[in-house]
Amino acid sequence: MAKRIINAYKCRRCGFQTDDDQRRAYAQQAIGAMGVPMGKKCRIGFGPGYSCVKCRSDDVEVTKVEVKNSACFIATACYGSPECPEVRILRQFRDDAMMCSSLGRTLVAVYYRLSPPIAQLLNRHTRLRILVRECIVNPIVKRIGRL
């Protein structure tokens, strides 16, 4: 699985910690609350020129960390490539919506625990793969695409 480098942030005043992925989720929540279309940039969170979302302190420690890129196992099996547009839509929904809440993060963790064997099964059975893609994954992608 590919890896990428992201920034990790820790407030020296209150001890709050986050990273680039979580910061983007905070920004997306704030943008949604302000009525600004999703995908616009927002200066909320940590980083150069940012303040802590908890105490608003500017005293922030920034470090680089390496994290694994995670794929959408079932969708990748259904569409054949992790770079397929439908898989990218699902990955973006996971990152921008699901990872914003503890319930969403729990659901994603359960999915990553349960989905690899399902994806392997889909890779071995063409008819089942087509059925799952057409009856389950495509409707989800279309619904998310309308959000």
C-alpha atoms as a PDB file:
ATOM      1  CA  MET A   1       0.000   0.000   0.000  1.00  0.00           C
ATOM      2  CA  ALA A   2       1.386   3.425  -0.959  1.00  0.00           C
ATOM      3  CA  LYS A   3       2.386   5.908   1.712  1.00  0.00           C
ATOM      4  CA  ARG A   4       2.188   9.684   1.839  1.00  0.00           C
ATOM      5  CA  ILE A   5       3.600  12.412   4.080  1.00  0.00           C
ATOM      6  CA  ILE A   6       1.259  14.699   6.012  1.00  0.00           C
ATOM      7  CA  ASN A   7       1.731  17.321   8.717  1.00  0.00           C
ATOM      8  CA  ALA A   8       0.871  16.520  12.337  1.00  0.00           C
ATOM      9  CA  TYR A   9       0.048  19.471  14.604  1.00  0.00           C
ATOM     10  CA  LYS A  10       0.166  19.807  18.396  1.00  0.00           C
ATOM     11  CA  CYS A  11      -0.862  22.882  20.355  1.00  0.00           C
ATOM     12  CA  ARG A  12       1.809  23.659  22.955  1.00  0.00           C
ATOM     13  CA  ARG A  13      -0.738  25.522  25.083  1.00  0.00           C
ATOM     14  CA  CYS A  14      -3.653  23.044  25.440  1.00  0.00           C
ATOM     15  CA  GLY A  15      -2.112  19.846  24.002  1.00  0.00           C
ATOM     16  CA  PHE A  16      -4.731  19.389  21.248  1.00  0.00           C
ATOM     17  CA  GLN A  17      -3.419  17.248  18.370  1.00  0.00           C
ATOM     18  CA  THR A  18      -4.564  16.791  14.785  1.00  0.00           C
ATOM     19  CA  ASP A  19      -3.187  16.257  11.284  1.00  0.00           C
ATOM     20  CA  ASP A  20      -3.778  17.507   7.735  1.00  0.00           C
ATOM     21  CA  ASP A  21      -6.608  15.013   7.146  1.00  0.00           C
ATOM     22  CA  GLN A  22      -8.472  15.934  10.325  1.00  0.00           C
ATOM     23  CA  ARG A  23      -7.830  19.645   9.741  1.00  0.00           C
ATOM     24  CA  ARG A  24      -9.457  19.347   6.319  1.00  0.00           C
ATOM     25  CA  ALA A  25     -12.445  17.670   7.983  1.00  0.00           C
ATOM     26  CA  TYR A  26     -12.749  20.554  10.492  1.00  0.00           C
ATOM     27  CA  ALA A  27     -12.566  23.036   7.623  1.00  0.00           C
ATOM     28  CA  GLN A  28     -15.238  21.161   5.674  1.00  0.00           C
ATOM     29  CA  GLN A  29     -17.535  21.188   8.738  1.00  0.00           C
ATOM     30  CA  ALA A  30     -17.038  24.922   9.199  1.00  0.00           C
ATOM     31  CA  ILE A  31     -17.530  25.614   5.509  1.00  0.00           C
ATOM     32  CA  GLY A  32     -20.747  23.587   5.515  1.00  0.00           C
ATOM     33  CA  ALA A  33     -21.989  25.519   8.566  1.00  0.00           C
ATOM     34  CA  MET A  34     -21.242  28.824   6.795  1.00  0.00           C
ATOM     35  CA  GLY A  35     -23.135  27.745   3.691  1.00  0.00           C
ATOM     36  CA  VAL A  36     -20.038  27.859   1.467  1.00  0.00           C
ATOM     37  CA  PRO A  37     -19.945  25.092  -1.189  1.00  0.00           C
ATOM     38  CA  MET A  38     -17.889  22.039  -0.216  1.00  0.00           C
ATOM     39  CA  GLY A  39     -14.406  21.956  -1.681  1.00  0.00           C
ATOM     40  CA  LYS A  40     -13.599  25.616  -0.963  1.00  0.00           C
ATOM     41  CA  LYS A  41     -10.523  26.249   1.172  1.00  0.00           C
ATOM     42  CA  CYS A  42     -10.885  27.547   4.710  1.00  0.00           C
ATOM     43  CA  ARG A  43      -8.185  28.702   7.167  1.00  0.00           C
ATOM     44  CA  ILE A  44      -9.327  26.694  10.174  1.00  0.00           C
ATOM     45  CA  GLY A  45      -7.160  24.285  12.127  1.00  0.00           C
ATOM     46  CA  PHE A  46      -3.410  24.159  12.486  1.00  0.00           C
ATOM     47  CA  GLY A  47      -0.485  25.037  10.294  1.00  0.00           C
ATOM     48  CA  PRO A  48       1.516  28.081   9.254  1.00  0.00           C
ATOM     49  CA  GLY A  49      -0.717  31.061   9.972  1.00  0.00           C
ATOM     50  CA  TYR A  50      -3.301  28.858  11.707  1.00  0.00           C
ATOM     51  CA  SER A  51      -4.390  28.702  15.308  1.00  0.00           C
ATOM     52  CA  CYS A  52      -5.564  25.826  17.502  1.00  0.00           C
ATOM     53  CA  VAL A  53      -9.228  24.977  16.946  1.00  0.00           C
ATOM     54  CA  LYS A  54      -9.669  24.417  20.687  1.00  0.00           C
ATOM     55  CA  CYS A  55      -7.915  27.356  22.396  1.00  0.00           C
ATOM     56  CA  ARG A  56      -6.997  29.572  19.392  1.00  0.00           C
ATOM     57  CA  SER A  57      -3.331  29.659  20.455  1.00  0.00           C
ATOM     58  CA  ASP A  58      -0.776  30.289  17.699  1.00  0.00           C
ATOM     59  CA  ASP A  59       1.887  28.276  19.570  1.00  0.00           C
ATOM     60  CA  VAL A  60       1.734  25.147  17.396  1.00  0.00           C
ATOM     61  CA  GLU A  61       4.343  22.416  16.864  1.00  0.00           C
ATOM     62  CA  VAL A  62       4.369  20.944  13.336  1.00  0.00           C
ATOM     63  CA  THR A  63       5.953  17.579  12.447  1.00  0.00           C
ATOM     64  CA  LYS A  64       5.897  15.394   9.323  1.00  0.00           C
ATOM     65  CA  VAL A  65       4.422  11.891   9.564  1.00  0.00           C
ATOM     66  CA  GLU A  66       4.121   9.054   7.056  1.00  0.00           C
ATOM     67  CA  VAL A  67       0.672   7.481   6.646  1.00  0.00           C
ATOM     68  CA  LYS A  68      -0.682   4.699   4.461  1.00  0.00           C
ATOM     69  CA  ASN A  69      -2.981   5.566   1.590  1.00  0.00           C
ATOM     70  CA  SER A  70      -6.115   3.502   1.928  1.00  0.00           C
ATOM     71  CA  ALA A  71      -8.182   2.283  -0.968  1.00  0.00           C
ATOM     72  CA  CYS A  72     -11.885   1.532  -1.213  1.00  0.00           C
ATOM     73  CA  PHE A  73     -11.499  -2.246  -1.424  1.00  0.00           C
ATOM     74  CA  ILE A  74     -14.969  -3.245  -2.626  1.00  0.00           C
ATOM     75  CA  ALA A  75     -15.317  -0.385  -5.110  1.00  0.00           C
ATOM     76  CA  THR A  76     -11.814  -1.059  -6.454  1.00  0.00           C
ATOM     77  CA  ALA A  77     -12.751  -4.727  -6.955  1.00  0.00           C
ATOM     78  CA  CYS A  78     -16.008  -3.711  -8.696  1.00  0.00           C
ATOM     79  CA  TYR A  79     -14.484  -1.101 -11.016  1.00  0.00           C
ATOM     80  CA  GLY A  80     -11.046  -2.667 -11.488  1.00  0.00           C
ATOM     81  CA  SER A  81      -8.864   0.318 -10.542  1.00  0.00           C
ATOM     82  CA  PRO A  82      -8.312   2.488  -7.456  1.00  0.00           C
ATOM     83  CA  GLU A  83      -8.040   5.502  -9.780  1.00  0.00           C
ATOM     84  CA  CYS A  84     -11.442   4.991 -11.416  1.00  0.00           C
ATOM     85  CA  PRO A  85     -13.624   8.165 -11.112  1.00  0.00           C
ATOM     86  CA  GLU A  86     -16.267   6.302  -9.070  1.00  0.00           C
ATOM     87  CA  VAL A  87     -13.659   5.079  -6.594  1.00  0.00           C
ATOM     88  CA  ARG A  88     -12.268   8.613  -6.290  1.00  0.00           C
ATOM     89  CA  ILE A  89     -15.793   9.898  -5.491  1.00  0.00           C
ATOM     90  CA  LEU A  90     -16.150   7.313  -2.717  1.00  0.00           C
ATOM     91  CA  ARG A  91     -12.666   8.047  -1.351  1.00  0.00           C
ATOM     92  CA  GLN A  92     -13.395  11.786  -1.306  1.00  0.00           C
ATOM     93  CA  PHE A  93     -16.710  11.181   0.500  1.00  0.00           C
ATOM     94  CA  ARG A  94     -14.881   9.067   3.064  1.00  0.00           C
ATOM     95  CA  ASP A  95     -12.242  11.752   3.616  1.00  0.00           C
ATOM     96  CA  ASP A  96     -14.527  14.810   3.546  1.00  0.00           C
ATOM     97  CA  ALA A  97     -17.696  13.496   5.215  1.00  0.00           C
ATOM     98  CA  MET A  98     -17.186  10.192   7.028  1.00  0.00           C
ATOM     99  CA  MET A  99     -13.940  11.129   8.759  1.00  0.00           C
ATOM    100  CA  CYS A 100     -15.536  14.263  10.272  1.00  0.00           C
ATOM    101  CA  SER A 101     -17.285  12.407  13.083  1.00  0.00           C
ATOM    102  CA  SER A 102     -16.433   9.654  15.520  1.00  0.00           C
ATOM    103  CA  LEU A 103     -19.347   7.569  14.187  1.00  0.00           C
ATOM    104  CA  GLY A 104     -18.067   7.989  10.618  1.00  0.00           C
ATOM    105  CA  ARG A 105     -14.518   7.036  11.634  1.00  0.00           C
ATOM    106  CA  THR A 106     -15.884   3.949  13.432  1.00  0.00           C
ATOM    107  CA  LEU A 107     -17.877   2.912  10.358  1.00  0.00           C
ATOM    108  CA  VAL A 108     -14.788   3.368   8.160  1.00  0.00           C
ATOM    109  CA  ALA A 109     -12.701   1.267  10.585  1.00  0.00           C
ATOM    110  CA  VAL A 110     -15.317  -1.517  10.515  1.00  0.00           C
ATOM    111  CA  TYR A 111     -15.436  -1.331   6.707  1.00  0.00           C
ATOM    112  CA  TYR A 112     -11.643  -1.694   6.481  1.00  0.00           C
ATOM    113  CA  ARG A 113     -11.788  -4.693   8.809  1.00  0.00           C
ATOM    114  CA  LEU A 114     -14.568  -6.473   6.898  1.00  0.00           C
ATOM    115  CA  SER A 115     -14.104  -5.472   3.257  1.00  0.00           C
ATOM    116  CA  PRO A 116     -10.813  -7.136   2.156  1.00  0.00           C
ATOM    117  CA  PRO A 117     -12.266 -10.695   2.114  1.00  0.00           C
ATOM    118  CA  ILE A 118     -15.383  -9.401   0.325  1.00  0.00           C
ATOM    119  CA  ALA A 119     -13.182  -7.701  -2.280  1.00  0.00           C
ATOM    120  CA  GLN A 120     -11.235 -10.949  -2.770  1.00  0.00           C
ATOM    121  CA  LEU A 121     -14.499 -12.814  -3.316  1.00  0.00           C
ATOM    122  CA  LEU A 122     -15.620 -10.206  -5.869  1.00  0.00           C
ATOM    123  CA  ASN A 123     -12.292 -10.480  -7.689  1.00  0.00           C
ATOM    124  CA  ARG A 124     -12.861 -14.243  -8.111  1.00  0.00           C
ATOM    125  CA  HIS A 125     -16.536 -14.114  -9.222  1.00  0.00           C
ATOM    126  CA  THR A 126     -17.331 -11.918 -12.217  1.00  0.00           C
ATOM    127  CA  ARG A 127     -21.121 -12.202 -12.017  1.00  0.00           C
ATOM    128  CA  LEU A 128     -21.171 -11.350  -8.333  1.00  0.00           C
ATOM    129  CA  ARG A 129     -18.831  -8.399  -8.982  1.00  0.00           C
ATOM    130  CA  ILE A 130     -21.161  -7.053 -11.685  1.00  0.00           C
ATOM    131  CA  LEU A 131     -24.216  -7.566  -9.453  1.00  0.00           C
ATOM    132  CA  VAL A 132     -22.623  -5.729  -6.513  1.00  0.00           C
ATOM    133  CA  ARG A 133     -21.381  -2.921  -8.770  1.00  0.00           C
ATOM    134  CA  GLU A 134     -24.733  -2.383 -10.511  1.00  0.00           C
ATOM    135  CA  CYS A 135     -27.089  -2.926  -7.546  1.00  0.00           C
ATOM    136  CA  ILE A 136     -25.100  -1.552  -4.611  1.00  0.00           C
ATOM    137  CA  VAL A 137     -22.014   0.495  -5.483  1.00  0.00           C
ATOM    138  CA  ASN A 138     -23.334   2.443  -8.516  1.00  0.00           C
ATOM    139  CA  PRO A 139     -26.444   3.709  -6.659  1.00  0.00           C
ATOM    140  CA  ILE A 140     -24.269   4.816  -3.724  1.00  0.00           C
ATOM    141  CA  VAL A 141     -21.846   6.641  -6.048  1.00  0.00           C
ATOM    142  CA  LYS A 142     -24.748   8.358  -7.862  1.00  0.00           C
ATOM    143  CA  ARG A 143     -26.289   9.446  -4.552  1.00  0.00           C
ATOM    144  CA  ILE A 144     -22.984  10.801  -3.257  1.00  0.00           C
ATOM    145  CA  GLY A 145     -22.357  12.551  -6.576  1.00  0.00           C
ATOM    146  CA  ARG A 146     -25.558  14.546  -6.072  1.00  0.00           C
ATOM    147  CA  LEU A 147     -24.528  15.846  -2.619  1.00  0.00           C
END
